[in-house]
PDB file of N, CA and C in Angstrom:
ATOM      1  N   UNK A   1      93.639 105.529 130.854  1.00  0.00           N
ATOM      2  CA  UNK A   1      94.665 104.445 129.872  1.00  0.00           C
ATOM      3  C   UNK A   1      94.022 103.454 129.294  1.00  0.00           C
ATOM      4  N   UNK A   2      94.278 102.884 128.043  1.00  0.00           N
ATOM      5  CA  UNK A   2      93.499 101.815 127.332  1.00  0.00           C
ATOM      6  C   UNK A   2      94.485 100.747 127.852  1.00  0.00           C
ATOM      7  N   UNK A   3      93.570  99.640 127.722  1.00  0.00           N
ATOM      8  CA  UNK A   3      93.734  98.071 127.784  1.00  0.00           C
ATOM      9  C   UNK A   3      94.682  97.821 126.825  1.00  0.00           C
ATOM     10  N   UNK A   4      95.974  97.233 127.336  1.00  0.00           N
ATOM     11  CA  UNK A   4      97.087  96.976 126.548  1.00  0.00           C
ATOM     12  C   UNK A   4      96.696  95.910 125.321  1.00  0.00           C
ATOM     13  N   UNK A   5      95.607  94.610 125.656  1.00  0.00           N
ATOM     14  CA  UNK A   5      95.554  93.814 125.140  1.00  0.00           C
ATOM     15  C   UNK A   5      94.491  94.186 124.061  1.00  0.00           C
ATOM     16  N   UNK A   6      93.835  95.351 123.805  1.00  0.00           N
ATOM     17  CA  UNK A   6      93.111  96.235 122.637  1.00  0.00           C
ATOM     18  C   UNK A   6      93.534  95.974 121.726  1.00  0.00           C
ATOM     19  N   UNK A   7      92.791  95.257 120.574  1.00  0.00           N
ATOM     20  CA  UNK A   7      93.761  95.319 119.096  1.00  0.00           C
ATOM     21  C   UNK A   7      93.762  96.563 118.437  1.00  0.00           C
ATOM     22  N   UNK A   8      95.004  96.976 117.807  1.00  0.00           N
ATOM     23  CA  UNK A   8      94.990  97.807 116.869  1.00  0.00           C
ATOM     24  C   UNK A   8      94.893  97.578 115.585  1.00  0.00           C
ATOM     25  N   UNK A   9      93.929  98.184 114.906  1.00  0.00           N
ATOM     26  CA  UNK A   9      93.724  97.789 113.398  1.00  0.00           C
ATOM     27  C   UNK A   9      93.779  99.131 112.494  1.00  0.00           C
ATOM     28  N   UNK A  10      94.409  98.369 111.520  1.00  0.00           N
ATOM     29  CA  UNK A  10      94.290  99.678 110.361  1.00  0.00           C
ATOM     30  C   UNK A  10      93.363  99.365 109.441  1.00  0.00           C
ATOM     31  N   UNK A  11      92.218 100.504 109.093  1.00  0.00           N
ATOM     32  CA  UNK A  11      91.165 100.128 107.959  1.00  0.00           C
ATOM     33  C   UNK A  11      92.068 101.087 106.864  1.00  0.00           C
ATOM     34  N   UNK A  12      91.824 100.533 105.697  1.00  0.00           N
ATOM     35  CA  UNK A  12      92.365 101.078 104.535  1.00  0.00           C
ATOM     36  C   UNK A  12      91.440 101.332 103.119  1.00  0.00           C
ATOM     37  N   UNK A  13      90.976 102.246 102.617  1.00  0.00           N
ATOM     38  CA  UNK A  13      89.820 102.104 101.925  1.00  0.00           C
ATOM     39  C   UNK A  13      90.488 102.951 100.220  1.00  0.00           C
ATOM     40  N   UNK A  14      89.874 102.703  99.669  1.00  0.00           N
ATOM     41  CA  UNK A  14      90.364 103.044  98.184  1.00  0.00           C
ATOM     42  C   UNK A  14      88.718 103.429  97.471  1.00  0.00           C
ATOM     43  N   UNK A  15      88.685 105.000  97.242  1.00  0.00           N
ATOM     44  CA  UNK A  15      87.306 105.002  97.275  1.00  0.00           C
ATOM     45  C   UNK A  15      87.555 106.343  95.839  1.00  0.00           C
ATOM     46  N   UNK A  16      86.310 106.949  95.311  1.00  0.00           N
ATOM     47  CA  UNK A  16      86.117 107.928  94.409  1.00  0.00           C
ATOM     48  C   UNK A  16      86.549 109.155  95.000  1.00  0.00           C
ATOM     49  N   UNK A  17      87.394 109.776  94.398  1.00  0.00           N
ATOM     50  CA  UNK A  17      87.648 110.890  94.776  1.00  0.00           C
ATOM     51  C   UNK A  17      86.504 112.025  95.067  1.00  0.00           C
ATOM     52  N   UNK A  18      85.420 111.988  94.236  1.00  0.00           N
ATOM     53  CA  UNK A  18      84.245 113.001  94.768  1.00  0.00           C
ATOM     54  C   UNK A  18      83.617 112.499  95.974  1.00  0.00           C
ATOM     55  N   UNK A  19      83.671 110.970  96.435  1.00  0.00           N
ATOM     56  CA  UNK A  19      82.826 110.963  97.542  1.00  0.00           C
ATOM     57  C   UNK A  19      83.926 111.095  99.225  1.00  0.00           C
ATOM     58  N   UNK A  20      84.699 111.768  98.888  1.00  0.00           N
ATOM     59  CA  UNK A  20      85.762 111.623 100.087  1.00  0.00           C
ATOM     60  C   UNK A  20      85.094 112.696 101.138  1.00  0.00           C
ATOM     61  N   UNK A  21      84.133 113.763 100.704  1.00  0.00           N
ATOM     62  CA  UNK A  21      83.586 114.521 101.685  1.00  0.00           C
ATOM     63  C   UNK A  21      82.361 113.665 102.567  1.00  0.00           C
ATOM     64  N   UNK A  22      81.566 113.059 101.792  1.00  0.00           N
ATOM     65  CA  UNK A  22      80.804 112.064 102.491  1.00  0.00           C
ATOM     66  C   UNK A  22      81.329 111.056 103.236  1.00  0.00           C
ATOM     67  N   UNK A  23      82.554 110.730 102.908  1.00  0.00           N
ATOM     68  CA  UNK A  23      83.367 109.117 103.664  1.00  0.00           C
ATOM     69  C   UNK A  23      83.469 110.300 105.298  1.00  0.00           C
ATOM     70  N   UNK A  24      84.207 111.302 105.081  1.00  0.00           N
ATOM     71  CA  UNK A  24      85.021 111.646 106.367  1.00  0.00           C
ATOM     72  C   UNK A  24      83.661 112.281 107.103  1.00  0.00           C
ATOM     73  N   UNK A  25      82.321 112.726 106.515  1.00  0.00           N
ATOM     74  CA  UNK A  25      81.396 113.321 107.233  1.00  0.00           C
ATOM     75  C   UNK A  25      80.754 111.888 108.200  1.00  0.00           C
ATOM     76  N   UNK A  26      80.752 111.039 107.268  1.00  0.00           N
ATOM     77  CA  UNK A  26      80.005 109.380 108.149  1.00  0.00           C
ATOM     78  C   UNK A  26      81.330 108.679 109.002  1.00  0.00           C
ATOM     79  N   UNK A  27      82.690 109.309 108.686  1.00  0.00           N
ATOM     80  CA  UNK A  27      83.746 108.727 109.543  1.00  0.00           C
ATOM     81  C   UNK A  27      83.691 109.646 111.284  1.00  0.00           C
ATOM     82  N   UNK A  28      83.189 110.937 111.000  1.00  0.00           N
ATOM     83  CA  UNK A  28      83.481 111.797 112.089  1.00  0.00           C
ATOM     84  C   UNK A  28      81.924 111.200 112.724  1.00  0.00           C
ATOM     85  N   UNK A  29      81.215 111.229 111.908  1.00  0.00           N
ATOM     86  CA  UNK A  29      79.509 110.235 112.997  1.00  0.00           C
ATOM     87  C   UNK A  29      79.943 108.956 113.813  1.00  0.00           C
ATOM     88  N   UNK A  30      80.950 108.340 113.207  1.00  0.00           N
ATOM     89  CA  UNK A  30      80.850 107.171 113.717  1.00  0.00           C
ATOM     90  C   UNK A  30      82.366 107.423 114.771  1.00  0.00           C
ATOM     91  N   UNK A  31      82.713 108.037 115.002  1.00  0.00           N
ATOM     92  CA  UNK A  31      83.626 108.736 116.201  1.00  0.00           C
ATOM     93  C   UNK A  31      85.166 108.464 115.659  1.00  0.00           C
ATOM     94  N   UNK A  32      85.378 108.095 114.383  1.00  0.00           N
ATOM     95  CA  UNK A  32      86.672 107.872 113.810  1.00  0.00           C
ATOM     96  C   UNK A  32      87.804 109.051 114.317  1.00  0.00           C
ATOM     97  N   UNK A  33      88.842 108.954 114.906  1.00  0.00           N
ATOM     98  CA  UNK A  33      89.672 110.076 115.405  1.00  0.00           C
ATOM     99  C   UNK A  33      90.395 110.386 114.611  1.00  0.00           C
ATOM    100  N   UNK A  34      91.230 109.734 113.752  1.00  0.00           N
ATOM    101  CA  UNK A  34      91.796 110.529 112.697  1.00  0.00           C
ATOM    102  C   UNK A  34      91.694 109.691 111.365  1.00  0.00           C
ATOM    103  N   UNK A  35      92.640 110.123 110.458  1.00  0.00           N
ATOM    104  CA  UNK A  35      92.876 109.520 109.236  1.00  0.00           C
ATOM    105  C   UNK A  35      93.740 110.442 108.159  1.00  0.00           C
ATOM    106  N   UNK A  36      94.067 109.526 107.324  1.00  0.00           N
ATOM    107  CA  UNK A  36      94.980 109.763 106.271  1.00  0.00           C
ATOM    108  C   UNK A  36      94.813 109.793 104.964  1.00  0.00           C
ATOM    109  N   UNK A  37      94.947 110.592 103.908  1.00  0.00           N
ATOM    110  CA  UNK A  37      94.030 110.737 102.695  1.00  0.00           C
ATOM    111  C   UNK A  37      95.167 110.934 101.657  1.00  0.00           C
ATOM    112  N   UNK A  38      95.437 110.004 100.401  1.00  0.00           N
ATOM    113  CA  UNK A  38      96.475 110.109  99.798  1.00  0.00           C
ATOM    114  C   UNK A  38      95.716 109.786  98.477  1.00  0.00           C
ATOM    115  N   UNK A  39      96.087 110.617  97.373  1.00  0.00           N
ATOM    116  CA  UNK A  39      95.747 110.547  96.132  1.00  0.00           C
ATOM    117  C   UNK A  39      96.355 109.537  95.138  1.00  0.00           C
ATOM    118  N   UNK A  40      95.727 108.396  94.715  1.00  0.00           N
ATOM    119  CA  UNK A  40      96.324 107.303  94.007  1.00  0.00           C
ATOM    120  C   UNK A  40      95.327 106.713  92.577  1.00  0.00           C
ATOM    121  N   UNK A  41      96.291 105.835  91.975  1.00  0.00           N
ATOM    122  CA  UNK A  41      95.684 105.813  90.835  1.00  0.00           C
ATOM    123  C   UNK A  41      95.638 104.290  90.714  1.00  0.00           C
ATOM    124  N   UNK A  42      94.709 103.519  90.096  1.00  0.00           N
ATOM    125  CA  UNK A  42      94.116 102.052  90.195  1.00  0.00           C
ATOM    126  C   UNK A  42      93.255 101.679  89.206  1.00  0.00           C
ATOM    127  N   UNK A  43      93.444 100.221  89.089  1.00  0.00           N
ATOM    128  CA  UNK A  43      92.333  99.728  88.075  1.00  0.00           C
ATOM    129  C   UNK A  43      91.955  98.750  89.106  1.00  0.00           C
ATOM    130  N   UNK A  44      90.718  98.416  88.662  1.00  0.00           N
ATOM    131  CA  UNK A  44      90.042  97.082  89.266  1.00  0.00           C
ATOM    132  C   UNK A  44      88.827  96.759  88.334  1.00  0.00           C
ATOM    133  N   UNK A  45      87.489  97.062  88.984  1.00  0.00           N
ATOM    134  CA  UNK A  45      86.352  96.204  88.234  1.00  0.00           C
ATOM    135  C   UNK A  45      85.905  97.245  87.479  1.00  0.00           C
ATOM    136  N   UNK A  46      86.447  98.632  87.618  1.00  0.00           N
ATOM    137  CA  UNK A  46      85.839  99.489  86.777  1.00  0.00           C
ATOM    138  C   UNK A  46      86.328  99.666  85.312  1.00  0.00           C
ATOM    139  N   UNK A  47      85.294  99.565  84.673  1.00  0.00           N
ATOM    140  CA  UNK A  47      85.891  99.826  83.087  1.00  0.00           C
ATOM    141  C   UNK A  47      86.510 100.801  82.552  1.00  0.00           C
ATOM    142  N   UNK A  48      87.563 100.148  81.491  1.00  0.00           N
ATOM    143  CA  UNK A  48      88.601 101.395  80.814  1.00  0.00           C
ATOM    144  C   UNK A  48      87.588 102.346  80.057  1.00  0.00           C
ATOM    145  N   UNK A  49      87.898 103.520  80.096  1.00  0.00           N
ATOM    146  CA  UNK A  49      87.543 104.645  79.447  1.00  0.00           C
ATOM    147  C   UNK A  49      87.941 104.720  78.064  1.00  0.00           C
ATOM    148  N   UNK A  50      87.689 105.148  77.220  1.00  0.00           N
ATOM    149  CA  UNK A  50      88.582 105.540  75.608  1.00  0.00           C
ATOM    150  C   UNK A  50      88.219 106.924  75.162  1.00  0.00           C
ATOM    151  N   UNK A  51      89.133 107.951  75.100  1.00  0.00           N
ATOM    152  CA  UNK A  51      88.750 109.264  74.876  1.00  0.00           C
ATOM    153  C   UNK A  51      89.965 109.246  73.256  1.00  0.00           C
ATOM    154  N   UNK A  52      89.683 110.781  72.978  1.00  0.00           N
ATOM    155  CA  UNK A  52      90.501 111.219  72.126  1.00  0.00           C
ATOM    156  C   UNK A  52      91.002 112.773  72.257  1.00  0.00           C
ATOM    157  N   UNK A  53      92.498 112.844  72.061  1.00  0.00           N
ATOM    158  CA  UNK A  53      93.014 113.995  72.309  1.00  0.00           C
ATOM    159  C   UNK A  53      93.967 114.149  71.068  1.00  0.00           C
ATOM    160  N   UNK A  54      93.532 115.488  70.294  1.00  0.00           N
ATOM    161  CA  UNK A  54      94.421 115.905  69.050  1.00  0.00           C
ATOM    162  C   UNK A  54      94.485 114.901  68.367  1.00  0.00           C
ATOM    163  N   UNK A  55      93.281 114.070  67.786  1.00  0.00           N
ATOM    164  CA  UNK A  55      93.032 113.268  66.858  1.00  0.00           C
ATOM    165  C   UNK A  55      93.783 112.097  67.192  1.00  0.00           C
ATOM    166  N   UNK A  56      93.924 111.689  68.249  1.00  0.00           N
ATOM    167  CA  UNK A  56      94.721 110.745  68.732  1.00  0.00           C
ATOM    168  C   UNK A  56      93.419 109.710  69.761  1.00  0.00           C
ATOM    169  N   UNK A  57      93.330 108.259  69.465  1.00  0.00           N
ATOM    170  CA  UNK A  57      92.778 107.739  70.612  1.00  0.00           C
ATOM    171  C   UNK A  57      93.347 106.956  71.606  1.00  0.00           C
ATOM    172  N   UNK A  58      92.951 107.514  72.747  1.00  0.00           N
ATOM    173  CA  UNK A  58      93.839 106.818  73.895  1.00  0.00           C
ATOM    174  C   UNK A  58      92.867 106.317  74.916  1.00  0.00           C
ATOM    175  N   UNK A  59      93.355 105.235  75.926  1.00  0.00           N
ATOM    176  CA  UNK A  59      92.397 104.636  76.617  1.00  0.00           C
ATOM    177  C   UNK A  59      93.086 104.775  78.295  1.00  0.00           C
ATOM    178  N   UNK A  60      92.157 105.049  79.035  1.00  0.00           N
ATOM    179  CA  UNK A  60      92.657 105.528  80.445  1.00  0.00           C
ATOM    180  C   UNK A  60      91.913 103.925  81.259  1.00  0.00           C
ATOM    181  N   UNK A  61      92.807 103.241  81.589  1.00  0.00           N
ATOM    182  CA  UNK A  61      92.370 102.372  82.409  1.00  0.00           C
ATOM    183  C   UNK A  61      92.927 102.366  83.812  1.00  0.00           C
ATOM    184  N   UNK A  62      93.836 103.629  84.137  1.00  0.00           N
ATOM    185  CA  UNK A  62      93.962 103.479  85.499  1.00  0.00           C
ATOM    186  C   UNK A  62      93.147 104.735  85.920  1.00  0.00           C
ATOM    187  N   UNK A  63      92.406 104.757  86.814  1.00  0.00           N
ATOM    188  CA  UNK A  63      91.802 105.511  87.473  1.00  0.00           C
ATOM    189  C   UNK A  63      91.983 106.109  88.622  1.00  0.00           C
ATOM    190  N   UNK A  64      91.809 107.671  88.902  1.00  0.00           N
ATOM    191  CA  UNK A  64      92.050 108.398  89.975  1.00  0.00           C
ATOM    192  C   UNK A  64      90.803 107.959  91.314  1.00  0.00           C
ATOM    193  N   UNK A  65      91.736 107.414  92.230  1.00  0.00           N
ATOM    194  CA  UNK A  65      91.039 107.344  93.591  1.00  0.00           C
ATOM    195  C   UNK A  65      91.759 107.958  94.898  1.00  0.00           C
ATOM    196  N   UNK A  66      90.769 107.785  95.852  1.00  0.00           N
ATOM    197  CA  UNK A  66      91.404 108.776  97.252  1.00  0.00           C
ATOM    198  C   UNK A  66      91.684 107.130  98.094  1.00  0.00           C
ATOM    199  N   UNK A  67      92.819 107.026  98.720  1.00  0.00           N
ATOM    200  CA  UNK A  67      93.510 106.163  99.436  1.00  0.00           C
ATOM    201  C   UNK A  67      93.253 106.521 100.895  1.00  0.00           C
ATOM    202  N   UNK A  68      92.293 106.162 101.604  1.00  0.00           N
ATOM    203  CA  UNK A  68      91.739 106.559 102.940  1.00  0.00           C
ATOM    204  C   UNK A  68      92.738 105.540 104.100  1.00  0.00           C
ATOM    205  N   UNK A  69      93.422 105.895 104.911  1.00  0.00           N
ATOM    206  CA  UNK A  69      93.948 104.986 106.267  1.00  0.00           C
ATOM    207  C   UNK A  69      93.796 105.372 107.565  1.00  0.00           C
ATOM    208  N   UNK A  70      93.204 104.389 108.349  1.00  0.00           N
ATOM    209  CA  UNK A  70      92.422 104.980 109.515  1.00  0.00           C
ATOM    210  C   UNK A  70      93.031 104.051 110.451  1.00  0.00           C
ATOM    211  N   UNK A  71      93.668 104.198 111.440  1.00  0.00           N
ATOM    212  CA  UNK A  71      94.093 103.553 112.474  1.00  0.00           C
ATOM    213  C   UNK A  71      93.544 103.520 113.805  1.00  0.00           C
ATOM    214  N   UNK A  72      92.557 102.321 114.282  1.00  0.00           N
ATOM    215  CA  UNK A  72      91.824 102.622 115.230  1.00  0.00           C
ATOM    216  C   UNK A  72      92.200 101.378 116.337  1.00  0.00           C
ATOM    217  N   UNK A  73      91.617 101.690 117.970  1.00  0.00           N
ATOM    218  CA  UNK A  73      91.779 101.094 118.812  1.00  0.00           C
ATOM    219  C   UNK A  73      90.700 100.899 119.729  1.00  0.00           C
ATOM    220  N   UNK A  74      89.861 102.338 119.927  1.00  0.00           N
ATOM    221  CA  UNK A  74      89.112 102.789 120.720  1.00  0.00           C
ATOM    222  C   UNK A  74      87.689 102.248 120.131  1.00  0.00           C
ATOM    223  N   UNK A  75      87.209 102.594 118.857  1.00  0.00           N
ATOM    224  CA  UNK A  75      86.269 101.950 118.226  1.00  0.00           C
ATOM    225  C   UNK A  75      86.441 100.885 117.355  1.00  0.00           C
ATOM    226  N   UNK A  76      85.242  99.875 117.322  1.00  0.00           N
ATOM    227  CA  UNK A  76      85.458  98.870 116.372  1.00  0.00           C
ATOM    228  C   UNK A  76      85.538  99.207 115.118  1.00  0.00           C
ATOM    229  N   UNK A  77      86.701  98.335 114.382  1.00  0.00           N
ATOM    230  CA  UNK A  77      87.111  98.589 112.982  1.00  0.00           C
ATOM    231  C   UNK A  77      85.924  98.315 112.156  1.00  0.00           C
ATOM    232  N   UNK A  78      84.899  97.263 112.268  1.00  0.00           N
ATOM    233  CA  UNK A  78      83.633  97.227 111.606  1.00  0.00           C
ATOM    234  C   UNK A  78      82.683  98.435 111.698  1.00  0.00           C
ATOM    235  N   UNK A  79      82.793  99.295 112.517  1.00  0.00           N
ATOM    236  CA  UNK A  79      81.895 100.565 112.342  1.00  0.00           C
ATOM    237  C   UNK A  79      82.538 101.594 111.336  1.00  0.00           C
ATOM    238  N   UNK A  80      83.843 101.350 111.716  1.00  0.00           N
ATOM    239  CA  UNK A  80      84.897 102.404 110.659  1.00  0.00           C
ATOM    240  C   UNK A  80      84.520 101.718 109.291  1.00  0.00           C
ATOM    241  N   UNK A  81      84.717 100.678 109.003  1.00  0.00           N
ATOM    242  CA  UNK A  81      84.186  99.914 107.632  1.00  0.00           C
ATOM    243  C   UNK A  81      82.665 100.319 106.986  1.00  0.00           C
ATOM    244  N   UNK A  82      81.772 100.290 107.976  1.00  0.00           N
ATOM    245  CA  UNK A  82      80.405 100.530 107.810  1.00  0.00           C
ATOM    246  C   UNK A  82      80.145 101.879 107.353  1.00  0.00           C
ATOM    247  N   UNK A  83      81.250 102.923 107.999  1.00  0.00           N
ATOM    248  CA  UNK A  83      80.611 104.236 107.758  1.00  0.00           C
ATOM    249  C   UNK A  83      81.516 104.512 106.435  1.00  0.00           C
ATOM    250  N   UNK A  84      82.675 104.169 105.979  1.00  0.00           N
ATOM    251  CA  UNK A  84      83.143 104.105 104.841  1.00  0.00           C
ATOM    252  C   UNK A  84      82.137 103.731 103.725  1.00  0.00           C
ATOM    253  N   UNK A  85      81.881 102.761 104.071  1.00  0.00           N
ATOM    254  CA  UNK A  85      80.930 101.994 103.033  1.00  0.00           C
ATOM    255  C   UNK A  85      79.656 102.972 102.796  1.00  0.00           C
ATOM    256  N   UNK A  86      79.180 103.438 103.876  1.00  0.00           N
ATOM    257  CA  UNK A  86      78.077 104.277 103.537  1.00  0.00           C
ATOM    258  C   UNK A  86      78.107 105.572 103.439  1.00  0.00           C
ATOM    259  N   UNK A  87      79.260 106.305 103.343  1.00  0.00           N
ATOM    260  CA  UNK A  87      79.605 107.458 102.794  1.00  0.00           C
ATOM    261  C   UNK A  87      80.021 107.327 101.172  1.00  0.00           C
ATOM    262  N   UNK A  88      80.749 106.292 100.790  1.00  0.00           N
ATOM    263  CA  UNK A  88      81.157 106.018  99.693  1.00  0.00           C
ATOM    264  C   UNK A  88      80.295 105.053  98.529  1.00  0.00           C
ATOM    265  N   UNK A  89      79.238 104.487  98.778  1.00  0.00           N
ATOM    266  CA  UNK A  89      78.509 103.910  97.978  1.00  0.00           C
ATOM    267  C   UNK A  89      77.661 104.728  96.912  1.00  0.00           C
ATOM    268  N   UNK A  90      78.003 104.253  95.838  1.00  0.00           N
ATOM    269  CA  UNK A  90      77.140 104.818  94.645  1.00  0.00           C
ATOM    270  C   UNK A  90      76.198 103.639  94.009  1.00  0.00           C
ATOM    271  N   UNK A  91      76.627 102.462  93.808  1.00  0.00           N
ATOM    272  CA  UNK A  91      76.045 101.275  93.476  1.00  0.00           C
ATOM    273  C   UNK A  91      76.893 100.875  92.164  1.00  0.00           C
ATOM    274  N   UNK A  92      77.294 102.020  91.591  1.00  0.00           N
ATOM    275  CA  UNK A  92      78.102 101.831  90.320  1.00  0.00           C
ATOM    276  C   UNK A  92      79.561 100.983  90.647  1.00  0.00           C
ATOM    277  N   UNK A  93      80.022 100.161  89.619  1.00  0.00           N
ATOM    278  CA  UNK A  93      81.538  99.567  89.650  1.00  0.00           C
ATOM    279  C   UNK A  93      82.381 101.098  89.717  1.00  0.00           C
ATOM    280  N   UNK A  94      83.325 100.250  90.615  1.00  0.00           N
ATOM    281  CA  UNK A  94      84.756 101.480  90.863  1.00  0.00           C
ATOM    282  C   UNK A  94      84.108 102.252  91.951  1.00  0.00           C
ATOM    283  N   UNK A  95      83.400 101.820  92.905  1.00  0.00           N
ATOM    284  CA  UNK A  95      83.023 102.358  94.267  1.00  0.00           C
ATOM    285  C   UNK A  95      84.182 102.142  94.839  1.00  0.00           C
ATOM    286  N   UNK A  96      84.982 101.126  95.108  1.00  0.00           N
ATOM    287  CA  UNK A  96      86.190 101.311  95.955  1.00  0.00           C
ATOM    288  C   UNK A  96      86.282  99.897  96.752  1.00  0.00           C
ATOM    289  N   UNK A  97      87.310  99.623  97.625  1.00  0.00           N
ATOM    290  CA  UNK A  97      87.281  98.589  98.302  1.00  0.00           C
ATOM    291  C   UNK A  97      87.773  99.100  99.726  1.00  0.00           C
ATOM    292  N   UNK A  98      87.460  97.918 100.523  1.00  0.00           N
ATOM    293  CA  UNK A  98      87.788  98.474 101.849  1.00  0.00           C
ATOM    294  C   UNK A  98      88.955  97.215 102.912  1.00  0.00           C
ATOM    295  N   UNK A  99      89.748  97.433 103.175  1.00  0.00           N
ATOM    296  CA  UNK A  99      90.724  96.196 103.765  1.00  0.00           C
ATOM    297  C   UNK A  99      90.917  96.671 105.715  1.00  0.00           C
ATOM    298  N   UNK A 100      90.881  95.869 106.307  1.00  0.00           N
ATOM    299  CA  UNK A 100      91.251  95.947 107.626  1.00  0.00           C
ATOM    300  C   UNK A 100      92.504  95.078 107.839  1.00  0.00           C
ATOM    301  N   UNK A 101      93.429  95.732 108.388  1.00  0.00           N
ATOM    302  CA  UNK A 101      94.988  95.035 108.671  1.00  0.00           C
ATOM    303  C   UNK A 101      94.996  95.163 110.440  1.00  0.00           C
ATOM    304  N   UNK A 102      95.395  93.903 110.761  1.00  0.00           N
ATOM    305  CA  UNK A 102      96.270  94.005 111.970  1.00  0.00           C
ATOM    306  C   UNK A 102      97.391  95.104 112.319  1.00  0.00           C
ATOM    307  N   UNK A 103      97.761  95.656 113.687  1.00  0.00           N
ATOM    308  CA  UNK A 103      98.704  96.610 113.465  1.00  0.00           C
ATOM    309  C   UNK A 103      99.346  95.726 114.714  1.00  0.00           C
ATOM    310  N   UNK A 104     100.744  95.699 114.530  1.00  0.00           N
ATOM    311  CA  UNK A 104     101.511  94.866 115.430  1.00  0.00           C
ATOM    312  C   UNK A 104     101.785  95.793 116.595  1.00  0.00           C
ATOM    313  N   UNK A 105     102.062  97.209 116.441  1.00  0.00           N
ATOM    314  CA  UNK A 105     102.577  97.976 117.628  1.00  0.00           C
ATOM    315  C   UNK A 105     102.404  99.592 116.908  1.00  0.00           C
ATOM    316  N   UNK A 106     102.257 100.309 117.892  1.00  0.00           N
ATOM    317  CA  UNK A 106     102.102 101.880 117.720  1.00  0.00           C
ATOM    318  C   UNK A 106     103.042 102.242 118.790  1.00  0.00           C
ATOM    319  N   UNK A 107     103.754 103.708 118.210  1.00  0.00           N
ATOM    320  CA  UNK A 107     104.117 104.563 119.272  1.00  0.00           C
ATOM    321  C   UNK A 107     104.212 106.194 119.118  1.00  0.00           C
ATOM    322  N   UNK A 108     103.475 106.756 119.743  1.00  0.00           N
ATOM    323  CA  UNK A 108     103.532 108.179 119.526  1.00  0.00           C
ATOM    324  C   UNK A 108     104.814 108.971 119.503  1.00  0.00           C
ATOM    325  N   UNK A 109     105.301 109.751 118.607  1.00  0.00           N
ATOM    326  CA  UNK A 109     106.465 110.137 118.725  1.00  0.00           C
ATOM    327  C   UNK A 109     106.625 111.490 119.665  1.00  0.00           C
ATOM    328  N   UNK A 110     105.614 111.845 120.112  1.00  0.00           N
ATOM    329  CA  UNK A 110     106.007 113.324 120.682  1.00  0.00           C
ATOM    330  C   UNK A 110     105.649 112.510 122.192  1.00  0.00           C
ATOM    331  N   UNK A 111     104.833 111.736 122.601  1.00  0.00           N
ATOM    332  CA  UNK A 111     104.899 111.479 124.382  1.00  0.00           C
ATOM    333  C   UNK A 111     105.539 109.988 124.486  1.00  0.00           C
ATOM    334  N   UNK A 112     105.655 109.305 123.557  1.00  0.00           N
ATOM    335  CA  UNK A 112     106.296 108.159 123.695  1.00  0.00           C
ATOM    336  C   UNK A 112     105.321 107.024 124.047  1.00  0.00           C
ATOM    337  N   UNK A 113     103.792 107.074 124.199  1.00  0.00           N
ATOM    338  CA  UNK A 113     103.279 106.436 124.313  1.00  0.00           C
ATOM    339  C   UNK A 113     102.975 105.475 123.520  1.00  0.00           C
ATOM    340  N   UNK A 114     102.833 103.734 123.836  1.00  0.00           N
ATOM    341  CA  UNK A 114     102.747 102.700 122.973  1.00  0.00           C
ATOM    342  C   UNK A 114     101.458 102.087 123.117  1.00  0.00           C
ATOM    343  N   UNK A 115     101.406 101.264 121.970  1.00  0.00           N
ATOM    344  CA  UNK A 115      99.924 100.380 122.101  1.00  0.00           C
ATOM    345  C   UNK A 115      98.593 101.271 121.758  1.00  0.00           C
ATOM    346  N   UNK A 116      97.933 100.875 122.493  1.00  0.00           N
ATOM    347  CA  UNK A 116      96.103 101.433 122.052  1.00  0.00           C
ATOM    348  C   UNK A 116      96.531 103.147 122.620  1.00  0.00           C
ATOM    349  N   UNK A 117      97.089 103.486 123.237  1.00  0.00           N
ATOM    350  CA  UNK A 117      97.297 104.971 123.713  1.00  0.00           C
ATOM    351  C   UNK A 117      97.861 105.579 122.857  1.00  0.00           C
ATOM    352  N   UNK A 118      98.806 105.208 121.819  1.00  0.00           N
ATOM    353  CA  UNK A 118      99.439 105.906 120.956  1.00  0.00           C
ATOM    354  C   UNK A 118      98.665 106.133 119.936  1.00  0.00           C
ATOM    355  N   UNK A 119      97.245 105.409 119.578  1.00  0.00           N
ATOM    356  CA  UNK A 119      96.485 105.714 118.881  1.00  0.00           C
ATOM    357  C   UNK A 119      95.412 106.731 118.911  1.00  0.00           C
TER     358      UNK A 119
END
């Protein structure tokens, strides 16, 4: 049984879609228990791209990204952040961002466990 005072944190990362496999491997090696992945579009420091389609010029300033959410209690959030950075880093603009947020409470639906035990 987990200590009820153990902090629960959510790590949210926005990365390039082609780096998802590398990030999943890094997270597995770090012992991250689970994750949720969502396809998103966004704009940040990555420059806009200009293209042409049927003779018309267009600008793509919303780039495809993957949002990863990982809630942790048993392992430090810093380890998860490091694993994501190791797997996602290319050194180019648009590699992404990682955010760590506190989780006030958690409850597992199937068992009714709450707090760190629910994670």
